[in-house]
């Protein structure tokens, strides 16, 4: 059985680290900060998969250790998947989440029903010595009429689930159990377990 003793996660987000650690029981998960890596990977690909793969590959090769990287975003059906890969920067690098969410709500203020349909997508990539495995997750919902909830970040307060609650109205534990990142992680981990890269 081949065991991965240590995996670097291409993030310094503690919430993301905790979520991944829960599925990688028995393995040492470290952040970029933990391994003193300050590499800035330019996300210039045109898909979530492309950006995640580029991050994982560059960081893995620089550190000579396995790396897991992800890219995710909000995709609105009415606008052919916009903002998609530009979710965090469609108003520029310095815009706040609140400014981006307000922009989307204003843009869609006259839309009703299925015209508000949206999904959140995540792609997570494991890369090590040329081996690349990809996990994907997607949650369907809609853009809320107004921002709701205080427990979240990014677009959480405007992405409404089929039950009428936004991501930001869920507890952290509730969100982690059903999130697009959790689905992508489970998809990825299932592949790695089958190949004996990680233990059950």
C-alpha atoms as a PDB file:
ATOM      1  CA  UNK A   1       0.000   0.000   0.000  1.00  0.00           C
ATOM      2  CA  UNK A   2       1.494   3.291  -1.067  1.00  0.00           C
ATOM      3  CA  UNK A   3       0.895   5.926   1.574  1.00  0.00           C
ATOM      4  CA  UNK A   4       1.089   9.681   1.148  1.00  0.00           C
ATOM      5  CA  UNK A   5       2.586  10.955   4.383  1.00  0.00           C
ATOM      6  CA  UNK A   6       2.255  14.639   3.668  1.00  0.00           C
ATOM      7  CA  UNK A   7       0.165  16.607   1.147  1.00  0.00           C
ATOM      8  CA  UNK A   8       0.393  20.333   0.606  1.00  0.00           C
ATOM      9  CA  UNK A   9      -2.905  22.073  -0.063  1.00  0.00           C
ATOM     10  CA  UNK A  10      -2.589  25.092  -2.338  1.00  0.00           C
ATOM     11  CA  UNK A  11      -4.246  27.453   0.111  1.00  0.00           C
ATOM     12  CA  UNK A  12      -3.849  29.297   3.388  1.00  0.00           C
ATOM     13  CA  UNK A  13      -7.611  29.226   4.008  1.00  0.00           C
ATOM     14  CA  UNK A  14      -8.046  27.420   7.334  1.00  0.00           C
ATOM     15  CA  UNK A  15     -11.639  26.430   6.589  1.00  0.00           C
ATOM     16  CA  UNK A  16     -10.601  24.762   3.357  1.00  0.00           C
ATOM     17  CA  UNK A  17      -7.718  22.984   5.081  1.00  0.00           C
ATOM     18  CA  UNK A  18     -10.027  21.661   7.805  1.00  0.00           C
ATOM     19  CA  UNK A  19     -12.503  20.367   5.235  1.00  0.00           C
ATOM     20  CA  UNK A  20      -9.799  18.488   3.331  1.00  0.00           C
ATOM     21  CA  UNK A  21      -8.240  17.145   6.545  1.00  0.00           C
ATOM     22  CA  UNK A  22     -11.562  15.526   7.463  1.00  0.00           C
ATOM     23  CA  UNK A  23     -11.380  13.356   4.347  1.00  0.00           C
ATOM     24  CA  UNK A  24      -7.660  12.655   4.623  1.00  0.00           C
ATOM     25  CA  UNK A  25      -7.677  11.054   8.057  1.00  0.00           C
ATOM     26  CA  UNK A  26      -4.261   9.741   9.028  1.00  0.00           C
ATOM     27  CA  UNK A  27      -2.330  12.008   6.685  1.00  0.00           C
ATOM     28  CA  UNK A  28      -0.532  15.232   7.365  1.00  0.00           C
ATOM     29  CA  UNK A  29      -2.163  18.097   5.488  1.00  0.00           C
ATOM     30  CA  UNK A  30      -0.135  21.290   5.287  1.00  0.00           C
ATOM     31  CA  UNK A  31      -0.808  24.755   3.878  1.00  0.00           C
ATOM     32  CA  UNK A  32       1.473  26.824   1.670  1.00  0.00           C
ATOM     33  CA  UNK A  33       2.379  28.893   4.723  1.00  0.00           C
ATOM     34  CA  UNK A  34       3.338  25.765   6.673  1.00  0.00           C
ATOM     35  CA  UNK A  35       5.947  24.859   4.048  1.00  0.00           C
ATOM     36  CA  UNK A  36       7.002  28.494   3.574  1.00  0.00           C
ATOM     37  CA  UNK A  37       5.883  28.546  -0.040  1.00  0.00           C
ATOM     38  CA  UNK A  38       4.869  31.956  -1.339  1.00  0.00           C
ATOM     39  CA  UNK A  39       4.614  31.049  -5.013  1.00  0.00           C
ATOM     40  CA  UNK A  40       1.910  33.020  -6.847  1.00  0.00           C
ATOM     41  CA  UNK A  41       0.419  30.896  -9.612  1.00  0.00           C
ATOM     42  CA  UNK A  42      -1.252  33.018 -12.290  1.00  0.00           C
ATOM     43  CA  UNK A  43      -4.780  31.703 -12.896  1.00  0.00           C
ATOM     44  CA  UNK A  44      -4.884  32.340 -16.622  1.00  0.00           C
ATOM     45  CA  UNK A  45      -6.653  29.208 -17.838  1.00  0.00           C
ATOM     46  CA  UNK A  46     -10.199  29.301 -19.215  1.00  0.00           C
ATOM     47  CA  UNK A  47     -11.686  26.538 -17.047  1.00  0.00           C
ATOM     48  CA  UNK A  48     -11.825  25.659 -13.339  1.00  0.00           C
ATOM     49  CA  UNK A  49      -9.997  22.433 -14.200  1.00  0.00           C
ATOM     50  CA  UNK A  50      -7.256  24.273 -16.072  1.00  0.00           C
ATOM     51  CA  UNK A  51      -6.584  26.671 -13.197  1.00  0.00           C
ATOM     52  CA  UNK A  52      -6.635  23.942 -10.541  1.00  0.00           C
ATOM     53  CA  UNK A  53      -4.324  21.706 -12.569  1.00  0.00           C
ATOM     54  CA  UNK A  54      -1.874  24.537 -13.198  1.00  0.00           C
ATOM     55  CA  UNK A  55      -1.729  25.423  -9.488  1.00  0.00           C
ATOM     56  CA  UNK A  56      -1.288  21.827  -8.349  1.00  0.00           C
ATOM     57  CA  UNK A  57       1.409  21.059 -10.916  1.00  0.00           C
ATOM     58  CA  UNK A  58       3.498  24.196 -10.363  1.00  0.00           C
ATOM     59  CA  UNK A  59       3.423  23.930  -6.572  1.00  0.00           C
ATOM     60  CA  UNK A  60       4.030  20.167  -6.537  1.00  0.00           C
ATOM     61  CA  UNK A  61       7.050  20.492  -8.807  1.00  0.00           C
ATOM     62  CA  UNK A  62       8.469  23.430  -6.848  1.00  0.00           C
ATOM     63  CA  UNK A  63       8.161  21.634  -3.487  1.00  0.00           C
ATOM     64  CA  UNK A  64       8.740  18.089  -4.786  1.00  0.00           C
ATOM     65  CA  UNK A  65       5.731  16.780  -2.884  1.00  0.00           C
ATOM     66  CA  UNK A  66       2.101  15.904  -3.642  1.00  0.00           C
ATOM     67  CA  UNK A  67      -0.222  18.880  -3.978  1.00  0.00           C
ATOM     68  CA  UNK A  68      -3.977  19.349  -3.999  1.00  0.00           C
ATOM     69  CA  UNK A  69      -5.354  22.558  -5.548  1.00  0.00           C
ATOM     70  CA  UNK A  70      -8.852  23.706  -6.370  1.00  0.00           C
ATOM     71  CA  UNK A  71     -10.715  26.344  -8.316  1.00  0.00           C
ATOM     72  CA  UNK A  72     -14.386  27.121  -7.974  1.00  0.00           C
ATOM     73  CA  UNK A  73     -17.000  29.700  -8.750  1.00  0.00           C
ATOM     74  CA  UNK A  74     -20.572  30.793  -9.306  1.00  0.00           C
ATOM     75  CA  UNK A  75     -22.148  30.049 -12.689  1.00  0.00           C
ATOM     76  CA  UNK A  76     -25.400  31.773 -13.700  1.00  0.00           C
ATOM     77  CA  UNK A  77     -27.349  29.976 -16.439  1.00  0.00           C
ATOM     78  CA  UNK A  78     -28.906  33.144 -17.875  1.00  0.00           C
ATOM     79  CA  UNK A  79     -25.416  34.484 -18.624  1.00  0.00           C
ATOM     80  CA  UNK A  80     -23.930  31.279 -20.054  1.00  0.00           C
ATOM     81  CA  UNK A  81     -22.068  30.424 -16.853  1.00  0.00           C
ATOM     82  CA  UNK A  82     -20.807  33.913 -15.997  1.00  0.00           C
ATOM     83  CA  UNK A  83     -18.998  34.894 -13.790  1.00  0.00           C
ATOM     84  CA  UNK A  84     -17.509  31.368 -13.649  1.00  0.00           C
ATOM     85  CA  UNK A  85     -13.719  31.437 -13.423  1.00  0.00           C
ATOM     86  CA  UNK A  86     -13.929  35.215 -12.902  1.00  0.00           C
ATOM     87  CA  UNK A  87     -16.153  34.948  -9.807  1.00  0.00           C
ATOM     88  CA  UNK A  88     -13.547  36.441  -7.467  1.00  0.00           C
ATOM     89  CA  UNK A  89     -12.319  39.128  -9.831  1.00  0.00           C
ATOM     90  CA  UNK A  90     -14.939  40.202 -12.379  1.00  0.00           C
ATOM     91  CA  UNK A  91     -15.016  43.694 -10.826  1.00  0.00           C
ATOM     92  CA  UNK A  92     -11.233  43.828 -10.502  1.00  0.00           C
ATOM     93  CA  UNK A  93      -8.775  42.392  -8.014  1.00  0.00           C
ATOM     94  CA  UNK A  94      -9.591  44.940  -5.283  1.00  0.00           C
ATOM     95  CA  UNK A  95     -13.397  44.662  -5.245  1.00  0.00           C
ATOM     96  CA  UNK A  96     -14.977  43.190  -2.110  1.00  0.00           C
ATOM     97  CA  UNK A  97     -17.332  40.209  -1.997  1.00  0.00           C
ATOM     98  CA  UNK A  98     -20.135  42.566  -0.988  1.00  0.00           C
ATOM     99  CA  UNK A  99     -19.501  44.768  -4.030  1.00  0.00           C
ATOM    100  CA  UNK A 100     -19.554  41.757  -6.355  1.00  0.00           C
ATOM    101  CA  UNK A 101     -22.724  40.364  -4.781  1.00  0.00           C
ATOM    102  CA  UNK A 102     -24.472  43.750  -4.945  1.00  0.00           C
ATOM    103  CA  UNK A 103     -23.537  44.016  -8.625  1.00  0.00           C
ATOM    104  CA  UNK A 104     -25.034  40.597  -9.401  1.00  0.00           C
ATOM    105  CA  UNK A 105     -28.242  41.314  -7.452  1.00  0.00           C
ATOM    106  CA  UNK A 106     -28.688  44.619  -9.249  1.00  0.00           C
ATOM    107  CA  UNK A 107     -27.977  43.036 -12.637  1.00  0.00           C
ATOM    108  CA  UNK A 108     -30.648  40.399 -11.996  1.00  0.00           C
ATOM    109  CA  UNK A 109     -33.230  42.487 -10.100  1.00  0.00           C
ATOM    110  CA  UNK A 110     -35.916  42.128 -12.790  1.00  0.00           C
ATOM    111  CA  UNK A 111     -35.404  38.401 -13.425  1.00  0.00           C
ATOM    112  CA  UNK A 112     -37.819  35.808 -12.053  1.00  0.00           C
ATOM    113  CA  UNK A 113     -38.135  32.044 -11.772  1.00  0.00           C
ATOM    114  CA  UNK A 114     -35.816  29.892 -13.849  1.00  0.00           C
ATOM    115  CA  UNK A 115     -33.997  32.986 -15.104  1.00  0.00           C
ATOM    116  CA  UNK A 116     -32.371  33.110 -11.667  1.00  0.00           C
ATOM    117  CA  UNK A 117     -31.043  29.532 -11.904  1.00  0.00           C
ATOM    118  CA  UNK A 118     -27.382  29.122 -11.036  1.00  0.00           C
ATOM    119  CA  UNK A 119     -24.901  26.555  -9.837  1.00  0.00           C
ATOM    120  CA  UNK A 120     -21.652  26.556  -7.920  1.00  0.00           C
ATOM    121  CA  UNK A 121     -18.894  24.370  -9.306  1.00  0.00           C
ATOM    122  CA  UNK A 122     -15.593  23.160  -7.934  1.00  0.00           C
ATOM    123  CA  UNK A 123     -12.697  21.292  -9.485  1.00  0.00           C
ATOM    124  CA  UNK A 124     -10.005  19.770  -7.244  1.00  0.00           C
ATOM    125  CA  UNK A 125      -6.765  18.372  -8.634  1.00  0.00           C
ATOM    126  CA  UNK A 126      -4.198  16.051  -7.052  1.00  0.00           C
ATOM    127  CA  UNK A 127      -0.764  16.183  -8.694  1.00  0.00           C
ATOM    128  CA  UNK A 128       2.408  14.249  -7.855  1.00  0.00           C
ATOM    129  CA  UNK A 129       5.307  13.283 -10.119  1.00  0.00           C
ATOM    130  CA  UNK A 130       3.253  13.423 -13.289  1.00  0.00           C
ATOM    131  CA  UNK A 131       0.206  11.693 -11.800  1.00  0.00           C
ATOM    132  CA  UNK A 132      -2.834  13.943 -12.100  1.00  0.00           C
ATOM    133  CA  UNK A 133      -6.305  13.113 -10.801  1.00  0.00           C
ATOM    134  CA  UNK A 134      -9.330  15.405 -10.993  1.00  0.00           C
ATOM    135  CA  UNK A 135     -12.438  15.609  -8.800  1.00  0.00           C
ATOM    136  CA  UNK A 136     -15.510  17.654  -9.657  1.00  0.00           C
ATOM    137  CA  UNK A 137     -18.535  18.832  -7.703  1.00  0.00           C
ATOM    138  CA  UNK A 138     -21.591  20.923  -8.501  1.00  0.00           C
ATOM    139  CA  UNK A 139     -24.565  22.199  -6.510  1.00  0.00           C
ATOM    140  CA  UNK A 140     -27.585  23.629  -8.317  1.00  0.00           C
ATOM    141  CA  UNK A 141     -29.671  26.478  -6.941  1.00  0.00           C
ATOM    142  CA  UNK A 142     -30.542  30.048  -7.789  1.00  0.00           C
ATOM    143  CA  UNK A 143     -29.532  33.625  -7.156  1.00  0.00           C
ATOM    144  CA  UNK A 144     -31.489  34.957  -4.177  1.00  0.00           C
ATOM    145  CA  UNK A 145     -33.530  38.155  -4.439  1.00  0.00           C
ATOM    146  CA  UNK A 146     -31.442  39.681  -1.680  1.00  0.00           C
ATOM    147  CA  UNK A 147     -28.376  38.860   0.371  1.00  0.00           C
ATOM    148  CA  UNK A 148     -29.235  36.558   3.302  1.00  0.00           C
ATOM    149  CA  UNK A 149     -27.180  35.108   6.121  1.00  0.00           C
ATOM    150  CA  UNK A 150     -24.004  36.046   7.934  1.00  0.00           C
ATOM    151  CA  UNK A 151     -22.060  32.789   8.029  1.00  0.00           C
ATOM    152  CA  UNK A 152     -20.044  32.583   4.871  1.00  0.00           C
ATOM    153  CA  UNK A 153     -17.770  34.305   2.422  1.00  0.00           C
ATOM    154  CA  UNK A 154     -17.615  35.121  -1.265  1.00  0.00           C
ATOM    155  CA  UNK A 155     -20.987  34.605  -2.941  1.00  0.00           C
ATOM    156  CA  UNK A 156     -22.461  32.520  -0.070  1.00  0.00           C
ATOM    157  CA  UNK A 157     -25.064  35.131   0.890  1.00  0.00           C
ATOM    158  CA  UNK A 158     -26.645  35.284  -2.575  1.00  0.00           C
ATOM    159  CA  UNK A 159     -26.523  31.606  -3.624  1.00  0.00           C
ATOM    160  CA  UNK A 160     -29.824  30.032  -2.615  1.00  0.00           C
ATOM    161  CA  UNK A 161     -30.292  26.276  -2.325  1.00  0.00           C
ATOM    162  CA  UNK A 162     -33.485  24.464  -3.396  1.00  0.00           C
ATOM    163  CA  UNK A 163     -34.644  24.560   0.263  1.00  0.00           C
ATOM    164  CA  UNK A 164     -34.704  28.375   0.170  1.00  0.00           C
ATOM    165  CA  UNK A 165     -31.645  28.895   2.354  1.00  0.00           C
ATOM    166  CA  UNK A 166     -28.485  30.553   1.114  1.00  0.00           C
ATOM    167  CA  UNK A 167     -25.065  29.037   1.794  1.00  0.00           C
ATOM    168  CA  UNK A 168     -24.551  31.857   4.322  1.00  0.00           C
ATOM    169  CA  UNK A 169     -27.636  30.785   6.309  1.00  0.00           C
ATOM    170  CA  UNK A 170     -26.154  27.347   6.964  1.00  0.00           C
ATOM    171  CA  UNK A 171     -23.784  26.541   9.796  1.00  0.00           C
ATOM    172  CA  UNK A 172     -20.207  25.831   8.735  1.00  0.00           C
ATOM    173  CA  UNK A 173     -20.797  22.153   9.486  1.00  0.00           C
ATOM    174  CA  UNK A 174     -23.981  22.043   7.393  1.00  0.00           C
ATOM    175  CA  UNK A 175     -22.299  23.742   4.457  1.00  0.00           C
ATOM    176  CA  UNK A 176     -19.249  21.485   4.598  1.00  0.00           C
ATOM    177  CA  UNK A 177     -21.448  18.394   4.425  1.00  0.00           C
ATOM    178  CA  UNK A 178     -23.210  19.387   1.196  1.00  0.00           C
ATOM    179  CA  UNK A 179     -20.919  21.903  -0.511  1.00  0.00           C
ATOM    180  CA  UNK A 180     -19.602  21.778  -4.060  1.00  0.00           C
ATOM    181  CA  UNK A 181     -16.075  21.505  -2.630  1.00  0.00           C
ATOM    182  CA  UNK A 182     -17.063  18.523  -0.484  1.00  0.00           C
ATOM    183  CA  UNK A 183     -18.533  16.753  -3.529  1.00  0.00           C
ATOM    184  CA  UNK A 184     -15.391  17.455  -5.574  1.00  0.00           C
ATOM    185  CA  UNK A 185     -13.195  16.259  -2.708  1.00  0.00           C
ATOM    186  CA  UNK A 186     -15.161  13.041  -2.328  1.00  0.00           C
ATOM    187  CA  UNK A 187     -14.921  12.429  -6.073  1.00  0.00           C
ATOM    188  CA  UNK A 188     -11.154  12.936  -5.960  1.00  0.00           C
ATOM    189  CA  UNK A 189     -10.610  10.856  -2.825  1.00  0.00           C
ATOM    190  CA  UNK A 190     -12.609   7.959  -4.253  1.00  0.00           C
ATOM    191  CA  UNK A 191     -10.276   7.877  -7.245  1.00  0.00           C
ATOM    192  CA  UNK A 192      -7.144   8.010  -5.082  1.00  0.00           C
ATOM    193  CA  UNK A 193      -8.402   5.266  -2.779  1.00  0.00           C
ATOM    194  CA  UNK A 194      -9.053   2.962  -5.733  1.00  0.00           C
ATOM    195  CA  UNK A 195      -5.464   3.471  -6.844  1.00  0.00           C
ATOM    196  CA  UNK A 196      -4.080   2.936  -3.332  1.00  0.00           C
ATOM    197  CA  UNK A 197      -2.634   6.428  -3.268  1.00  0.00           C
ATOM    198  CA  UNK A 198      -4.343   6.988   0.051  1.00  0.00           C
ATOM    199  CA  UNK A 199      -5.826   4.627   2.632  1.00  0.00           C
ATOM    200  CA  UNK A 200      -9.506   4.087   3.281  1.00  0.00           C
END
